[in-house]
Structures are given as structure tokens and as C-alpha cells.
Amino acid sequence: HLCEAMAVASVVRPELLFRGTIRNISEAGCYFETQARLSLDP
């Protein structure tokens, strides 16, 4: 479902906080849009 929800996410280990917008959501997951230049491993 397409949506627009402001969101805050933080990496569990090590601590890292970033903001963004959830653009779509389902029972299993979502797409989190952020301008943060992160390179997180799958």
C-alpha cells in the first residue's frame, strides 16, 4: 500500500539514528526512503 509516514530508524548495533519516510507498506515489510548516505549490509 503506497503511503507517506514520517519515520525514524536506528541500527540496533552499533547505534545509528536516521530519518526518512515510509513510501509503501505490507504485512511483511516496507520501503523506507531516506537521504542518509548509509551503506548497511543486508
Full PDB file with SEQRES, HELIX, SHEET, SSBOND, CRYST1, ORIGX, SCALE, CONECT and MASTER records, all heavy atoms in Angstrom:
SEQRES   1 A   42  HIS LEU CYS GLU ALA MET ALA VAL ALA SER VAL VAL ARG          
SEQRES   2 A   42  PRO GLU LEU LEU PHE ARG GLY THR ILE ARG ASN ILE SER          
SEQRES   3 A   42  GLU ALA GLY CYS TYR PHE GLU THR GLN ALA ARG LEU SER          
SEQRES   4 A   42  LEU ASP PRO                                                  
SHEET    1 AA1 3 LEU A   2  VAL A  11  0                                        
SHEET    2 AA1 3 LEU A  16  ILE A  25 -1                                        
SHEET    3 AA1 3 CYS A  30  GLU A  33 -1                                        
CRYST1    1.000    1.000    1.000  90.00  90.00  90.00 P 1           1          
ORIGX1      1.000000  0.000000  0.000000        0.00000                         
ORIGX2      0.000000  1.000000  0.000000        0.00000                         
ORIGX3      0.000000  0.000000  1.000000        0.00000                         
SCALE1      1.000000  0.000000  0.000000        0.00000                         
SCALE2      0.000000  1.000000  0.000000        0.00000                         
SCALE3      0.000000  0.000000  1.000000        0.00000                         
ATOM      1  N   HIS A   1       0.867  -1.168   0.000  1.00  0.00           N  
ATOM      2  CA  HIS A   1       0.000   0.000   0.000  1.00  0.00           C  
ATOM      3  C   HIS A   1       0.905   1.218   0.000  1.00  0.00           C  
ATOM      4  O   HIS A   1       1.754   1.363   0.883  1.00  0.00           O  
ATOM      5  CB  HIS A   1      -0.888   0.025   1.243  1.00  0.00           C  
ATOM      6  CG  HIS A   1      -1.833  -1.130   1.309  1.00  0.00           C  
ATOM      7  ND1 HIS A   1      -3.039  -1.128   0.656  1.00  0.00           N  
ATOM      8  CD2 HIS A   1      -1.731  -2.326   1.922  1.00  0.00           C  
ATOM      9  CE1 HIS A   1      -3.649  -2.280   0.886  1.00  0.00           C  
ATOM     10  NE2 HIS A   1      -2.876  -3.025   1.647  1.00  0.00           N  
ATOM     11  N   LEU A   2       0.744   2.089  -0.983  1.00  0.00           N  
ATOM     12  CA  LEU A   2       1.520   3.314  -1.009  1.00  0.00           C  
ATOM     13  C   LEU A   2       1.059   4.189   0.146  1.00  0.00           C  
ATOM     14  O   LEU A   2      -0.124   4.231   0.476  1.00  0.00           O  
ATOM     15  CB  LEU A   2       1.346   4.036  -2.334  1.00  0.00           C  
ATOM     16  CG  LEU A   2       1.841   3.292  -3.571  1.00  0.00           C  
ATOM     17  CD1 LEU A   2       1.628   4.133  -4.809  1.00  0.00           C  
ATOM     18  CD2 LEU A   2       3.297   2.909  -3.432  1.00  0.00           C  
ATOM     19  N   CYS A   3       1.996   4.870   0.766  1.00  0.00           N  
ATOM     20  CA  CYS A   3       1.658   5.736   1.888  1.00  0.00           C  
ATOM     21  C   CYS A   3       2.758   6.764   2.052  1.00  0.00           C  
ATOM     22  O   CYS A   3       3.737   6.774   1.310  1.00  0.00           O  
ATOM     23  CB  CYS A   3       1.502   4.911   3.179  1.00  0.00           C  
ATOM     24  SG  CYS A   3       2.997   4.056   3.695  1.00  0.00           S  
ATOM     25  N   GLU A   4       2.585   7.627   3.009  1.00  0.00           N  
ATOM     26  CA  GLU A   4       3.608   8.592   3.366  1.00  0.00           C  
ATOM     27  C   GLU A   4       3.563   8.743   4.868  1.00  0.00           C  
ATOM     28  O   GLU A   4       2.667   9.361   5.413  1.00  0.00           O  
ATOM     29  CB  GLU A   4       3.382   9.941   2.684  1.00  0.00           C  
ATOM     30  CG  GLU A   4       4.513  10.901   2.934  1.00  0.00           C  
ATOM     31  CD  GLU A   4       4.428  12.135   2.060  1.00  0.00           C  
ATOM     32  OE1 GLU A   4       3.930  12.031   0.929  1.00  0.00           O  
ATOM     33  OE2 GLU A   4       4.879  13.181   2.528  1.00  0.00           O  
ATOM     34  N   ALA A   5       4.520   8.123   5.551  1.00  0.00           N  
ATOM     35  CA  ALA A   5       4.586   8.159   7.003  1.00  0.00           C  
ATOM     36  C   ALA A   5       5.992   8.544   7.420  1.00  0.00           C  
ATOM     37  O   ALA A   5       6.952   7.868   7.063  1.00  0.00           O  
ATOM     38  CB  ALA A   5       4.224   6.790   7.590  1.00  0.00           C  
ATOM     39  N   MET A   6       6.119   9.645   8.139  1.00  0.00           N  
ATOM     40  CA  MET A   6       7.428  10.043   8.635  1.00  0.00           C  
ATOM     41  C   MET A   6       7.897   8.977   9.614  1.00  0.00           C  
ATOM     42  O   MET A   6       7.117   8.483  10.419  1.00  0.00           O  
ATOM     43  CB  MET A   6       7.360  11.404   9.324  1.00  0.00           C  
ATOM     44  CG  MET A   6       6.926  12.522   8.374  1.00  0.00           C  
ATOM     45  SD  MET A   6       7.892  12.619   6.852  1.00  0.00           S  
ATOM     46  CE  MET A   6       9.468  13.107   7.476  1.00  0.00           C  
ATOM     47  N   ALA A   7       9.172   8.609   9.532  1.00  0.00           N  
ATOM     48  CA  ALA A   7       9.678   7.523  10.357  1.00  0.00           C  
ATOM     49  C   ALA A   7      11.093   7.819  10.827  1.00  0.00           C  
ATOM     50  O   ALA A   7      11.822   8.599  10.220  1.00  0.00           O  
ATOM     51  CB  ALA A   7       9.666   6.219   9.559  1.00  0.00           C  
ATOM     52  N   VAL A   8      11.448   7.189  11.931  1.00  0.00           N  
ATOM     53  CA  VAL A   8      12.797   7.238  12.472  1.00  0.00           C  
ATOM     54  C   VAL A   8      13.249   5.801  12.611  1.00  0.00           C  
ATOM     55  O   VAL A   8      12.505   4.943  13.080  1.00  0.00           O  
ATOM     56  CB  VAL A   8      12.819   7.931  13.855  1.00  0.00           C  
ATOM     57  CG1 VAL A   8      14.200   7.865  14.473  1.00  0.00           C  
ATOM     58  CG2 VAL A   8      12.352   9.358  13.740  1.00  0.00           C  
ATOM     59  N   ALA A   9      14.462   5.529  12.180  1.00  0.00           N  
ATOM     60  CA  ALA A   9      15.017   4.184  12.310  1.00  0.00           C  
ATOM     61  C   ALA A   9      16.372   4.283  12.980  1.00  0.00           C  
ATOM     62  O   ALA A   9      17.077   5.283  12.836  1.00  0.00           O  
ATOM     63  CB  ALA A   9      15.152   3.519  10.944  1.00  0.00           C  
ATOM     64  N   SER A  10      16.710   3.255  13.717  1.00  0.00           N  
ATOM     65  CA  SER A  10      18.034   3.214  14.318  1.00  0.00           C  
ATOM     66  C   SER A  10      18.603   1.815  14.139  1.00  0.00           C  
ATOM     67  O   SER A  10      17.888   0.827  14.276  1.00  0.00           O  
ATOM     68  CB  SER A  10      17.986   3.595  15.801  1.00  0.00           C  
ATOM     69  OG  SER A  10      17.143   2.716  16.514  1.00  0.00           O  
ATOM     70  N   VAL A  11      19.869   1.762  13.775  1.00  0.00           N  
ATOM     71  CA  VAL A  11      20.549   0.488  13.644  1.00  0.00           C  
ATOM     72  C   VAL A  11      20.741  -0.047  15.056  1.00  0.00           C  
ATOM     73  O   VAL A  11      21.135   0.689  15.964  1.00  0.00           O  
ATOM     74  CB  VAL A  11      21.898   0.647  12.920  1.00  0.00           C  
ATOM     75  CG1 VAL A  11      22.684  -0.653  12.916  1.00  0.00           C  
ATOM     76  CG2 VAL A  11      21.665   1.142  11.501  1.00  0.00           C  
ATOM     77  N   VAL A  12      20.436  -1.317  15.240  1.00  0.00           N  
ATOM     78  CA  VAL A  12      20.493  -1.894  16.576  1.00  0.00           C  
ATOM     79  C   VAL A  12      21.920  -1.924  17.104  1.00  0.00           C  
ATOM     80  O   VAL A  12      22.183  -1.528  18.234  1.00  0.00           O  
ATOM     81  CB  VAL A  12      19.848  -3.296  16.570  1.00  0.00           C  
ATOM     82  CG1 VAL A  12      19.952  -3.958  17.921  1.00  0.00           C  
ATOM     83  CG2 VAL A  12      18.387  -3.197  16.139  1.00  0.00           C  
ATOM     84  N   ARG A  13      22.868  -2.397  16.319  1.00  0.00           N  
ATOM     85  CA  ARG A  13      24.280  -2.440  16.731  1.00  0.00           C  
ATOM     86  C   ARG A  13      25.137  -2.059  15.540  1.00  0.00           C  
ATOM     87  O   ARG A  13      25.037  -2.746  14.525  1.00  0.00           O  
ATOM     88  CB  ARG A  13      24.661  -3.834  17.202  1.00  0.00           C  
ATOM     89  CG  ARG A  13      24.036  -4.176  18.503  1.00  0.00           C  
ATOM     90  CD  ARG A  13      24.509  -5.550  18.980  1.00  0.00           C  
ATOM     91  NE  ARG A  13      23.746  -5.955  20.123  1.00  0.00           N  
ATOM     92  CZ  ARG A  13      22.649  -6.713  20.076  1.00  0.00           C  
ATOM     93  NH1 ARG A  13      22.221  -7.150  18.929  1.00  0.00           N  
ATOM     94  NH2 ARG A  13      22.016  -7.034  21.158  1.00  0.00           N  
ATOM     95  N   PRO A  14      26.019  -1.110  15.567  1.00  0.00           N  
ATOM     96  CA  PRO A  14      26.176  -0.087  16.595  1.00  0.00           C  
ATOM     97  C   PRO A  14      25.063   0.946  16.481  1.00  0.00           C  
ATOM     98  O   PRO A  14      24.374   1.002  15.461  1.00  0.00           O  
ATOM     99  CB  PRO A  14      27.522   0.539  16.248  1.00  0.00           C  
ATOM    100  CG  PRO A  14      27.637   0.376  14.761  1.00  0.00           C  
ATOM    101  CD  PRO A  14      26.927  -0.922  14.445  1.00  0.00           C  
ATOM    102  N   GLU A  15      24.879   1.764  17.483  1.00  0.00           N  
ATOM    103  CA  GLU A  15      23.808   2.763  17.479  1.00  0.00           C  
ATOM    104  C   GLU A  15      24.002   3.779  16.356  1.00  0.00           C  
ATOM    105  O   GLU A  15      25.065   4.349  16.205  1.00  0.00           O  
ATOM    106  CB  GLU A  15      23.745   3.500  18.825  1.00  0.00           C  
ATOM    107  CG  GLU A  15      23.130   2.689  19.925  1.00  0.00           C  
ATOM    108  CD  GLU A  15      21.655   2.381  19.683  1.00  0.00           C  
ATOM    109  OE1 GLU A  15      20.898   3.271  19.274  1.00  0.00           O  
ATOM    110  OE2 GLU A  15      21.278   1.223  19.907  1.00  0.00           O  
ATOM    111  N   LEU A  16      22.984   3.957  15.558  1.00  0.00           N  
ATOM    112  CA  LEU A  16      22.994   4.893  14.447  1.00  0.00           C  
ATOM    113  C   LEU A  16      21.550   5.276  14.177  1.00  0.00           C  
ATOM    114  O   LEU A  16      20.706   4.400  13.973  1.00  0.00           O  
ATOM    115  CB  LEU A  16      23.608   4.233  13.206  1.00  0.00           C  
ATOM    116  CG  LEU A  16      23.585   5.012  11.899  1.00  0.00           C  
ATOM    117  CD1 LEU A  16      24.488   6.242  12.012  1.00  0.00           C  
ATOM    118  CD2 LEU A  16      24.064   4.127  10.764  1.00  0.00           C  
ATOM    119  N   LEU A  17      21.232   6.546  14.197  1.00  0.00           N  
ATOM    120  CA  LEU A  17      19.868   7.029  14.011  1.00  0.00           C  
ATOM    121  C   LEU A  17      19.754   7.748  12.672  1.00  0.00           C  
ATOM    122  O   LEU A  17      20.632   8.531  12.312  1.00  0.00           O  
ATOM    123  CB  LEU A  17      19.500   7.992  15.148  1.00  0.00           C  
ATOM    124  CG  LEU A  17      18.124   8.622  15.092  1.00  0.00           C  
ATOM    125  CD1 LEU A  17      17.069   7.589  15.497  1.00  0.00           C  
ATOM    126  CD2 LEU A  17      18.058   9.822  16.016  1.00  0.00           C  
ATOM    127  N   PHE A  18      18.673   7.478  11.925  1.00  0.00           N  
ATOM    128  CA  PHE A  18      18.425   8.193  10.675  1.00  0.00           C  
ATOM    129  C   PHE A  18      16.927   8.345  10.474  1.00  0.00           C  
ATOM    130  O   PHE A  18      16.134   7.580  10.984  1.00  0.00           O  
ATOM    131  CB  PHE A  18      19.099   7.514   9.482  1.00  0.00           C  
ATOM    132  CG  PHE A  18      18.825   6.035   9.363  1.00  0.00           C  
ATOM    133  CD1 PHE A  18      17.847   5.563   8.502  1.00  0.00           C  
ATOM    134  CD2 PHE A  18      19.559   5.127  10.097  1.00  0.00           C  
ATOM    135  CE1 PHE A  18      17.610   4.206   8.388  1.00  0.00           C  
ATOM    136  CE2 PHE A  18      19.330   3.763   9.983  1.00  0.00           C  
ATOM    137  CZ  PHE A  18      18.351   3.304   9.138  1.00  0.00           C  
ATOM    138  N   ARG A  19      16.545   9.371   9.731  1.00  0.00           N  
ATOM    139  CA  ARG A  19      15.133   9.690   9.499  1.00  0.00           C  
ATOM    140  C   ARG A  19      14.782   9.479   8.035  1.00  0.00           C  
ATOM    141  O   ARG A  19      15.647   9.523   7.172  1.00  0.00           O  
ATOM    142  CB  ARG A  19      14.841  11.133   9.886  1.00  0.00           C  
ATOM    143  CG  ARG A  19      15.097  11.435  11.329  1.00  0.00           C  
ATOM    144  CD  ARG A  19      14.730  12.873  11.686  1.00  0.00           C  
ATOM    145  NE  ARG A  19      15.263  13.289  12.960  1.00  0.00           N  
ATOM    146  CZ  ARG A  19      14.894  12.843  14.139  1.00  0.00           C  
ATOM    147  NH1 ARG A  19      13.972  11.925  14.204  1.00  0.00           N  
ATOM    148  NH2 ARG A  19      15.433  13.280  15.251  1.00  0.00           N  
ATOM    149  N   GLY A  20      13.498   9.298   7.792  1.00  0.00           N  
ATOM    150  CA  GLY A  20      13.049   9.138   6.426  1.00  0.00           C  
ATOM    151  C   GLY A  20      11.541   9.041   6.366  1.00  0.00           C  
ATOM    152  O   GLY A  20      10.843   9.393   7.316  1.00  0.00           O  
ATOM    153  N   THR A  21      11.048   8.534   5.254  1.00  0.00           N  
ATOM    154  CA  THR A  21       9.618   8.417   5.008  1.00  0.00           C  
ATOM    155  C   THR A  21       9.316   7.021   4.492  1.00  0.00           C  
ATOM    156  O   THR A  21       9.984   6.535   3.579  1.00  0.00           O  
ATOM    157  CB  THR A  21       9.167   9.453   3.945  1.00  0.00           C  
ATOM    158  OG1 THR A  21       9.546  10.752   4.390  1.00  0.00           O  
ATOM    159  CG2 THR A  21       7.672   9.399   3.722  1.00  0.00           C  
ATOM    160  N   ILE A  22       8.324   6.388   5.082  1.00  0.00           N  
ATOM    161  CA  ILE A  22       7.870   5.100   4.565  1.00  0.00           C  
ATOM    162  C   ILE A  22       6.978   5.405   3.370  1.00  0.00           C  
ATOM    163  O   ILE A  22       5.999   6.138   3.486  1.00  0.00           O  
ATOM    164  CB  ILE A  22       7.112   4.299   5.641  1.00  0.00           C  
ATOM    165  CG1 ILE A  22       8.079   3.926   6.761  1.00  0.00           C  
ATOM    166  CG2 ILE A  22       6.465   3.057   5.023  1.00  0.00           C  
ATOM    167  CD1 ILE A  22       7.437   3.222   7.922  1.00  0.00           C  
ATOM    168  N   ARG A  23       7.321   4.853   2.214  1.00  0.00           N  
ATOM    169  CA  ARG A  23       6.592   5.128   0.974  1.00  0.00           C  
ATOM    170  C   ARG A  23       5.592   4.042   0.609  1.00  0.00           C  
ATOM    171  O   ARG A  23       4.638   4.301  -0.113  1.00  0.00           O  
ATOM    172  CB  ARG A  23       7.556   5.324  -0.189  1.00  0.00           C  
ATOM    173  CG  ARG A  23       8.364   6.573  -0.064  1.00  0.00           C  
ATOM    174  CD  ARG A  23       7.472   7.776  -0.138  1.00  0.00           C  
ATOM    175  NE  ARG A  23       8.263   8.993  -0.005  1.00  0.00           N  
ATOM    176  CZ  ARG A  23       7.741  10.185   0.072  1.00  0.00           C  
ATOM    177  NH1 ARG A  23       6.432  10.325   0.048  1.00  0.00           N  
ATOM    178  NH2 ARG A  23       8.499  11.232   0.197  1.00  0.00           N  
ATOM    179  N   ASN A  24       5.819   2.804   1.075  1.00  0.00           N  
ATOM    180  CA  ASN A  24       4.821   1.757   0.897  1.00  0.00           C  
ATOM    181  C   ASN A  24       5.013   0.738   2.007  1.00  0.00           C  
ATOM    182  O   ASN A  24       6.070   0.657   2.617  1.00  0.00           O  
ATOM    183  CB  ASN A  24       4.862   1.126  -0.501  1.00  0.00           C  
ATOM    184  CG  ASN A  24       6.133   0.375  -0.789  1.00  0.00           C  
ATOM    185  OD1 ASN A  24       6.593  -0.426   0.013  1.00  0.00           O  
ATOM    186  ND2 ASN A  24       6.712   0.621  -1.957  1.00  0.00           N  
ATOM    187  N   ILE A  25       3.933   0.003   2.283  1.00  0.00           N  
ATOM    188  CA  ILE A  25       3.954  -0.908   3.419  1.00  0.00           C  
ATOM    189  C   ILE A  25       3.095  -2.132   3.111  1.00  0.00           C  
ATOM    190  O   ILE A  25       2.105  -2.032   2.376  1.00  0.00           O  
ATOM    191  CB  ILE A  25       3.464  -0.181   4.700  1.00  0.00           C  
ATOM    192  CG1 ILE A  25       3.722  -1.023   5.954  1.00  0.00           C  
ATOM    193  CG2 ILE A  25       2.007   0.238   4.581  1.00  0.00           C  
ATOM    194  CD1 ILE A  25       3.570  -0.231   7.240  1.00  0.00           C  
ATOM    195  N   SER A  26       3.496  -3.276   3.660  1.00  0.00           N  
ATOM    196  CA  SER A  26       2.710  -4.503   3.558  1.00  0.00           C  
ATOM    197  C   SER A  26       2.835  -5.235   4.890  1.00  0.00           C  
ATOM    198  O   SER A  26       3.506  -4.769   5.807  1.00  0.00           O  
ATOM    199  CB  SER A  26       3.225  -5.396   2.420  1.00  0.00           C  
ATOM    200  OG  SER A  26       4.416  -6.058   2.810  1.00  0.00           O  
ATOM    201  N   GLU A  27       2.203  -6.393   4.996  1.00  0.00           N  
ATOM    202  CA  GLU A  27       2.319  -7.188   6.218  1.00  0.00           C  
ATOM    203  C   GLU A  27       3.758  -7.634   6.463  1.00  0.00           C  
ATOM    204  O   GLU A  27       4.149  -7.870   7.598  1.00  0.00           O  
ATOM    205  CB  GLU A  27       1.440  -8.437   6.136  1.00  0.00           C  
ATOM    206  CG  GLU A  27      -0.026  -8.171   6.306  1.00  0.00           C  
ATOM    207  CD  GLU A  27      -0.830  -9.453   6.307  1.00  0.00           C  
ATOM    208  OE1 GLU A  27      -0.377 -10.452   6.902  1.00  0.00           O  
ATOM    209  OE2 GLU A  27      -1.913  -9.448   5.713  1.00  0.00           O  
ATOM    210  N   ALA A  28       4.536  -7.760   5.409  1.00  0.00           N  
ATOM    211  CA  ALA A  28       5.883  -8.309   5.526  1.00  0.00           C  
ATOM    212  C   ALA A  28       6.979  -7.257   5.634  1.00  0.00           C  
ATOM    213  O   ALA A  28       8.068  -7.549   6.122  1.00  0.00           O  
ATOM    214  CB  ALA A  28       6.180  -9.217   4.339  1.00  0.00           C  
ATOM    215  N   GLY A  29       6.730  -6.022   5.181  1.00  0.00           N  
ATOM    216  CA  GLY A  29       7.789  -5.027   5.212  1.00  0.00           C  
ATOM    217  C   GLY A  29       7.374  -3.701   4.620  1.00  0.00           C  
ATOM    218  O   GLY A  29       6.194  -3.438   4.415  1.00  0.00           O  
ATOM    219  N   CYS A  30       8.369  -2.872   4.329  1.00  0.00           N  
ATOM    220  CA  CYS A  30       8.081  -1.542   3.796  1.00  0.00           C  
ATOM    221  C   CYS A  30       9.286  -1.026   3.014  1.00  0.00           C  
ATOM    222  O   CYS A  30      10.374  -1.592   3.073  1.00  0.00           O  
ATOM    223  CB  CYS A  30       7.751  -0.572   4.932  1.00  0.00           C  
ATOM    224  SG  CYS A  30       9.121  -0.243   6.060  1.00  0.00           S  
ATOM    225  N   TYR A  31       9.060   0.072   2.268  1.00  0.00           N  
ATOM    226  CA  TYR A  31      10.158   0.784   1.627  1.00  0.00           C  
ATOM    227  C   TYR A  31      10.363   2.068   2.414  1.00  0.00           C  
ATOM    228  O   TYR A  31       9.433   2.867   2.582  1.00  0.00           O  
ATOM    229  CB  TYR A  31       9.875   1.104   0.161  1.00  0.00           C  
ATOM    230  CG  TYR A  31      11.060   1.804  -0.467  1.00  0.00           C  
ATOM    231  CD1 TYR A  31      12.196   1.075  -0.811  1.00  0.00           C  
ATOM    232  CD2 TYR A  31      11.074   3.174  -0.655  1.00  0.00           C  
ATOM    233  CE1 TYR A  31      13.311   1.707  -1.341  1.00  0.00           C  
ATOM    234  CE2 TYR A  31      12.180   3.809  -1.183  1.00  0.00           C  
ATOM    235  CZ  TYR A  31      13.297   3.074  -1.518  1.00  0.00           C  
ATOM    236  OH  TYR A  31      14.414   3.698  -2.031  1.00  0.00           O  
ATOM    237  N   PHE A  32      11.564   2.250   2.925  1.00  0.00           N  
ATOM    238  CA  PHE A  32      11.934   3.387   3.760  1.00  0.00           C  
ATOM    239  C   PHE A  32      12.819   4.307   2.933  1.00  0.00           C  
ATOM    240  O   PHE A  32      13.953   3.966   2.608  1.00  0.00           O  
ATOM    241  CB  PHE A  32      12.687   2.862   4.993  1.00  0.00           C  
ATOM    242  CG  PHE A  32      13.068   3.915   5.989  1.00  0.00           C  
ATOM    243  CD1 PHE A  32      12.189   4.302   6.977  1.00  0.00           C  
ATOM    244  CD2 PHE A  32      14.325   4.502   5.950  1.00  0.00           C  
ATOM    245  CE1 PHE A  32      12.552   5.255   7.923  1.00  0.00           C  
ATOM    246  CE2 PHE A  32      14.693   5.459   6.885  1.00  0.00           C  
ATOM    247  CZ  PHE A  32      13.806   5.842   7.873  1.00  0.00           C  
ATOM    248  N   GLU A  33      12.288   5.467   2.553  1.00  0.00           N  
ATOM    249  CA  GLU A  33      13.040   6.440   1.767  1.00  0.00           C  
ATOM    250  C   GLU A  33      13.818   7.339   2.712  1.00  0.00           C  
ATOM    251  O   GLU A  33      13.260   7.881   3.664  1.00  0.00           O  
ATOM    252  CB  GLU A  33      12.073   7.269   0.938  1.00  0.00           C  
ATOM    253  CG  GLU A  33      12.728   8.248   0.004  1.00  0.00           C  
ATOM    254  CD  GLU A  33      11.697   9.019  -0.797  1.00  0.00           C  
ATOM    255  OE1 GLU A  33      11.132   9.998  -0.261  1.00  0.00           O  
ATOM    256  OE2 GLU A  33      11.428   8.607  -1.936  1.00  0.00           O  
ATOM    257  N   THR A  34      15.119   7.464   2.470  1.00  0.00           N  
ATOM    258  CA  THR A  34      15.954   8.339   3.292  1.00  0.00           C  
ATOM    259  C   THR A  34      17.082   8.915   2.448  1.00  0.00           C  
ATOM    260  O   THR A  34      17.584   8.251   1.541  1.00  0.00           O  
ATOM    261  CB  THR A  34      16.536   7.588   4.513  1.00  0.00           C  
ATOM    262  OG1 THR A  34      17.311   8.508   5.291  1.00  0.00           O  
ATOM    263  CG2 THR A  34      17.382   6.396   4.116  1.00  0.00           C  
ATOM    264  N   GLN A  35      17.450  10.141   2.734  1.00  0.00           N  
ATOM    265  CA  GLN A  35      18.564  10.764   2.031  1.00  0.00           C  
ATOM    266  C   GLN A  35      19.892  10.457   2.703  1.00  0.00           C  
ATOM    267  O   GLN A  35      20.948  10.830   2.202  1.00  0.00           O  
ATOM    268  CB  GLN A  35      18.354  12.271   1.941  1.00  0.00           C  
ATOM    269  CG  GLN A  35      17.175  12.635   1.064  1.00  0.00           C  
ATOM    270  CD  GLN A  35      16.973  14.139   0.948  1.00  0.00           C  
ATOM    271  OE1 GLN A  35      17.668  14.930   1.574  1.00  0.00           O  
ATOM    272  NE2 GLN A  35      16.008  14.533   0.145  1.00  0.00           N  
ATOM    273  N   ALA A  36      19.832   9.755   3.830  1.00  0.00           N  
ATOM    274  CA  ALA A  36      21.067   9.400   4.544  1.00  0.00           C  
ATOM    275  C   ALA A  36      21.954   8.552   3.643  1.00  0.00           C  
ATOM    276  O   ALA A  36      21.490   7.631   2.988  1.00  0.00           O  
ATOM    277  CB  ALA A  36      20.721   8.647   5.822  1.00  0.00           C  
ATOM    278  N   ARG A  37      23.213   8.861   3.616  1.00  0.00           N  
ATOM    279  CA  ARG A  37      24.179   8.121   2.795  1.00  0.00           C  
ATOM    280  C   ARG A  37      24.703   6.928   3.592  1.00  0.00           C  
ATOM    281  O   ARG A  37      25.835   6.892   4.028  1.00  0.00           O  
ATOM    282  CB  ARG A  37      25.322   9.030   2.381  1.00  0.00           C  
ATOM    283  CG  ARG A  37      24.877  10.089   1.422  1.00  0.00           C  
ATOM    284  CD  ARG A  37      25.594   9.825   0.120  1.00  0.00           C  
ATOM    285  NE  ARG A  37      25.062  10.645  -0.934  1.00  0.00           N  
ATOM    286  CZ  ARG A  37      24.501  10.140  -2.014  1.00  0.00           C  
ATOM    287  NH1 ARG A  37      24.363   8.850  -2.146  1.00  0.00           N  
ATOM    288  NH2 ARG A  37      24.080  10.914  -2.962  1.00  0.00           N  
ATOM    289  N   LEU A  38      23.821   5.964   3.779  1.00  0.00           N  
ATOM    290  CA  LEU A  38      24.154   4.776   4.548  1.00  0.00           C  
ATOM    291  C   LEU A  38      24.556   3.649   3.616  1.00  0.00           C  
ATOM    292  O   LEU A  38      24.063   3.558   2.502  1.00  0.00           O  
ATOM    293  CB  LEU A  38      22.942   4.317   5.359  1.00  0.00           C  
ATOM    294  CG  LEU A  38      22.335   5.324   6.314  1.00  0.00           C  
ATOM    295  CD1 LEU A  38      21.003   4.823   6.820  1.00  0.00           C  
ATOM    296  CD2 LEU A  38      23.289   5.583   7.459  1.00  0.00           C  
ATOM    297  N   SER A  39      25.405   2.796   4.098  1.00  0.00           N  
ATOM    298  CA  SER A  39      25.750   1.593   3.360  1.00  0.00           C  
ATOM    299  C   SER A  39      25.623   0.430   4.348  1.00  0.00           C  
ATOM    300  O   SER A  39      26.603  -0.016   4.929  1.00  0.00           O  
ATOM    301  CB  SER A  39      27.171   1.690   2.812  1.00  0.00           C  
ATOM    302  OG  SER A  39      27.450   0.540   2.054  1.00  0.00           O  
ATOM    303  N   LEU A  40      24.391  -0.005   4.553  1.00  0.00           N  
ATOM    304  CA  LEU A  40      24.123  -1.075   5.505  1.00  0.00           C  
ATOM    305  C   LEU A  40      24.100  -2.416   4.789  1.00  0.00           C  
ATOM    306  O   LEU A  40      23.555  -2.536   3.695  1.00  0.00           O  
ATOM    307  CB  LEU A  40      22.778  -0.842   6.201  1.00  0.00           C  
ATOM    308  CG  LEU A  40      22.633   0.477   6.955  1.00  0.00           C  
ATOM    309  CD1 LEU A  40      21.214   0.611   7.504  1.00  0.00           C  
ATOM    310  CD2 LEU A  40      23.651   0.575   8.075  1.00  0.00           C  
ATOM    311  N   ASP A  41      24.684  -3.401   5.419  1.00  0.00           N  
ATOM    312  CA  ASP A  41      24.675  -4.751   4.860  1.00  0.00           C  
ATOM    313  C   ASP A  41      23.262  -5.324   4.911  1.00  0.00           C  
ATOM    314  O   ASP A  41      22.509  -5.048   5.848  1.00  0.00           O  
ATOM    315  CB  ASP A  41      25.592  -5.670   5.664  1.00  0.00           C  
ATOM    316  CG  ASP A  41      27.056  -5.320   5.486  1.00  0.00           C  
ATOM    317  OD1 ASP A  41      27.417  -4.827   4.406  1.00  0.00           O  
ATOM    318  OD2 ASP A  41      27.834  -5.543   6.432  1.00  0.00           O  
ATOM    319  N   PRO A  42      22.905  -6.138   3.918  1.00  0.00           N  
ATOM    320  CA  PRO A  42      21.641  -6.866   4.017  1.00  0.00           C  
ATOM    321  C   PRO A  42      21.667  -7.682   5.311  1.00  0.00           C  
ATOM    322  O   PRO A  42      22.715  -8.152   5.727  1.00  0.00           O  
ATOM    323  CB  PRO A  42      21.646  -7.780   2.793  1.00  0.00           C  
ATOM    324  CG  PRO A  42      22.548  -7.088   1.828  1.00  0.00           C  
ATOM    325  CD  PRO A  42      23.605  -6.424   2.677  1.00  0.00           C  
TER     326      PRO A  42                                                      
MASTER        0    0    0    0    3    0    0    6  325    1    0    4          
END                                                                             
